[in-house]
C-alpha atoms as a PDB file:
ATOM      1  CA  MET A   1     151.006  36.953 -43.227  1.00  0.00           C
ATOM      2  CA  SER A   2     147.786  35.112 -42.494  1.00  0.00           C
ATOM      3  CA  ARG A   3     144.268  36.501 -42.520  1.00  0.00           C
ATOM      4  CA  ASP A   4     141.224  35.413 -40.620  1.00  0.00           C
ATOM      5  CA  LYS A   5     138.883  34.063 -43.306  1.00  0.00           C
ATOM      6  CA  THR A   6     135.783  34.729 -41.183  1.00  0.00           C
ATOM      7  CA  VAL A   7     136.166  38.508 -41.406  1.00  0.00           C
ATOM      8  CA  SER A   8     134.417  40.179 -44.312  1.00  0.00           C
ATOM      9  CA  ASP A   9     136.492  42.727 -46.198  1.00  0.00           C
ATOM     10  CA  HIS A  10     134.016  45.214 -47.655  1.00  0.00           C
ATOM     11  CA  LYS A  11     135.076  48.290 -49.549  1.00  0.00           C
ATOM     12  CA  THR A  12     132.692  50.827 -51.000  1.00  0.00           C
ATOM     13  CA  ASP A  13     132.849  51.951 -54.601  1.00  0.00           C
ATOM     14  CA  ASN A  14     134.059  55.442 -55.419  1.00  0.00           C
ATOM     15  CA  ASN A  15     131.276  57.968 -56.039  1.00  0.00           C
ATOM     16  CA  HIS A  16     128.673  55.737 -54.333  1.00  0.00           C
ATOM     17  CA  PRO A  17     127.982  57.551 -51.036  1.00  0.00           C
ATOM     18  CA  TRP A  18     124.868  55.464 -50.339  1.00  0.00           C
ATOM     19  CA  GLN A  19     127.218  52.538 -49.604  1.00  0.00           C
ATOM     20  CA  ARG A  20     128.622  54.439 -46.610  1.00  0.00           C
ATOM     21  CA  GLY A  21     125.411  55.038 -44.673  1.00  0.00           C
ATOM     22  CA  THR A  22     126.571  56.017 -41.178  1.00  0.00           C
ATOM     23  CA  ASN A  23     129.472  58.087 -42.499  1.00  0.00           C
ATOM     24  CA  GLU A  24     127.278  59.997 -44.943  1.00  0.00           C
ATOM     25  CA  ASN A  25     124.569  60.547 -42.317  1.00  0.00           C
ATOM     26  CA  THR A  26     127.137  61.976 -39.903  1.00  0.00           C
ATOM     27  CA  ASN A  27     128.478  64.256 -42.635  1.00  0.00           C
ATOM     28  CA  ARG A  28     124.918  65.443 -43.326  1.00  0.00           C
ATOM     29  CA  LEU A  29     124.408  66.227 -39.639  1.00  0.00           C
ATOM     30  CA  LEU A  30     127.711  68.108 -39.488  1.00  0.00           C
ATOM     31  CA  ARG A  31     126.663  70.254 -42.472  1.00  0.00           C
ATOM     32  CA  GLN A  32     123.962  71.757 -40.267  1.00  0.00           C
ATOM     33  CA  TYR A  33     126.773  73.485 -38.355  1.00  0.00           C
ATOM     34  CA  LEU A  34     129.757  73.574 -40.743  1.00  0.00           C
ATOM     35  CA  HIS A  35     129.655  74.141 -44.479  1.00  0.00           C
ATOM     36  CA  LYS A  36     131.499  71.675 -46.710  1.00  0.00           C
ATOM     37  CA  ASN A  37     134.761  73.602 -47.055  1.00  0.00           C
ATOM     38  CA  ALA A  38     134.714  75.216 -43.617  1.00  0.00           C
ATOM     39  CA  ASP A  39     138.099  76.246 -42.254  1.00  0.00           C
ATOM     40  CA  LEU A  40     138.119  74.684 -38.784  1.00  0.00           C
ATOM     41  CA  SER A  41     140.857  77.069 -37.673  1.00  0.00           C
ATOM     42  CA  THR A  42     138.227  79.846 -37.619  1.00  0.00           C
ATOM     43  CA  PHE A  43     136.301  78.053 -34.853  1.00  0.00           C
ATOM     44  CA  THR A  44     137.301  77.978 -31.217  1.00  0.00           C
ATOM     45  CA  GLN A  45     137.644  74.648 -29.448  1.00  0.00           C
ATOM     46  CA  ASP A  46     134.632  75.581 -27.328  1.00  0.00           C
ATOM     47  CA  GLU A  47     132.521  76.107 -30.469  1.00  0.00           C
ATOM     48  CA  LEU A  48     133.604  72.721 -31.859  1.00  0.00           C
ATOM     49  CA  ASN A  49     132.872  71.096 -28.490  1.00  0.00           C
ATOM     50  CA  VAL A  50     129.321  72.508 -28.571  1.00  0.00           C
ATOM     51  CA  ILE A  51     128.790  71.035 -32.067  1.00  0.00           C
ATOM     52  CA  ALA A  52     130.143  67.665 -30.905  1.00  0.00           C
ATOM     53  CA  ALA A  53     127.891  67.748 -27.838  1.00  0.00           C
ATOM     54  CA  LYS A  54     124.833  68.509 -29.966  1.00  0.00           C
ATOM     55  CA  LEU A  55     125.617  65.572 -32.266  1.00  0.00           C
ATOM     56  CA  ASN A  56     126.406  63.207 -29.390  1.00  0.00           C
ATOM     57  CA  HIS A  57     123.129  64.057 -27.638  1.00  0.00           C
ATOM     58  CA  ARG A  58     120.944  63.624 -30.727  1.00  0.00           C
ATOM     59  CA  PRO A  59     118.872  60.392 -30.689  1.00  0.00           C
ATOM     60  CA  ARG A  60     119.650  58.003 -33.566  1.00  0.00           C
ATOM     61  CA  ARG A  61     117.284  55.452 -35.061  1.00  0.00           C
ATOM     62  CA  VAL A  62     120.156  52.987 -35.579  1.00  0.00           C
ATOM     63  CA  LEU A  63     120.728  53.102 -31.785  1.00  0.00           C
ATOM     64  CA  SER A  64     117.049  52.427 -30.989  1.00  0.00           C
ATOM     65  CA  TRP A  65     116.563  56.148 -30.405  1.00  0.00           C
ATOM     66  CA  ALA A  66     119.295  56.374 -27.780  1.00  0.00           C
ATOM     67  CA  THR A  67     121.891  59.083 -28.129  1.00  0.00           C
ATOM     68  CA  PRO A  68     125.472  58.080 -29.003  1.00  0.00           C
ATOM     69  CA  ALA A  69     126.539  59.338 -25.576  1.00  0.00           C
ATOM     70  CA  GLU A  70     124.035  57.005 -23.909  1.00  0.00           C
ATOM     71  CA  ALA A  71     124.645  54.049 -26.212  1.00  0.00           C
ATOM     72  CA  PHE A  72     128.401  54.100 -25.783  1.00  0.00           C
ATOM     73  CA  GLY A  73     128.256  54.812 -22.060  1.00  0.00           C
ATOM     74  CA  THR A  74     130.194  58.059 -22.105  1.00  0.00           C
ATOM     75  CA  ILE A  75     127.667  59.838 -19.895  1.00  0.00           C
ATOM     76  CA  GLU A  76     124.649  59.181 -17.779  1.00  0.00           C
ATOM     77  CA  PRO A  77     121.457  60.059 -19.636  1.00  0.00           C
ATOM     78  CA  LYS A  78     120.482  63.607 -18.697  1.00  0.00           C
ATOM     79  CA  PRO A  79     119.099  66.676 -20.431  1.00  0.00           C
ATOM     80  CA  LEU A  80     121.615  68.664 -22.441  1.00  0.00           C
ATOM     81  CA  GLN A  81     121.855  72.341 -21.568  1.00  0.00           C
ATOM     82  CA  LEU A  82     123.760  74.398 -24.125  1.00  0.00           C
ATOM     83  CA  ALA A  83     124.200  78.133 -24.317  1.00  0.00           C
ATOM     84  CA  PRO A  84     122.201  79.781 -27.136  1.00  0.00           C
ATOM     85  CA  ALA A  85     124.111  79.971 -30.408  1.00  0.00           C
END
């Protein structure tokens, strides 16, 4: 088996969450809606979809303040209208 030598293989150290920036930031954002040990089976798919929509329509500095939905072309930029929680 051959490997492309131009690709960097980077692994983070255990118990060093600051080495996994985007992952840890996303987890922090999710904690606004779901506690750490939340049982997802207690949520309806519609409730989970609302959480996903809120996260996907939140501007991110790493994306030059675009939303993930805009940056990855999944939707046309438009205001998000969600039902009150």
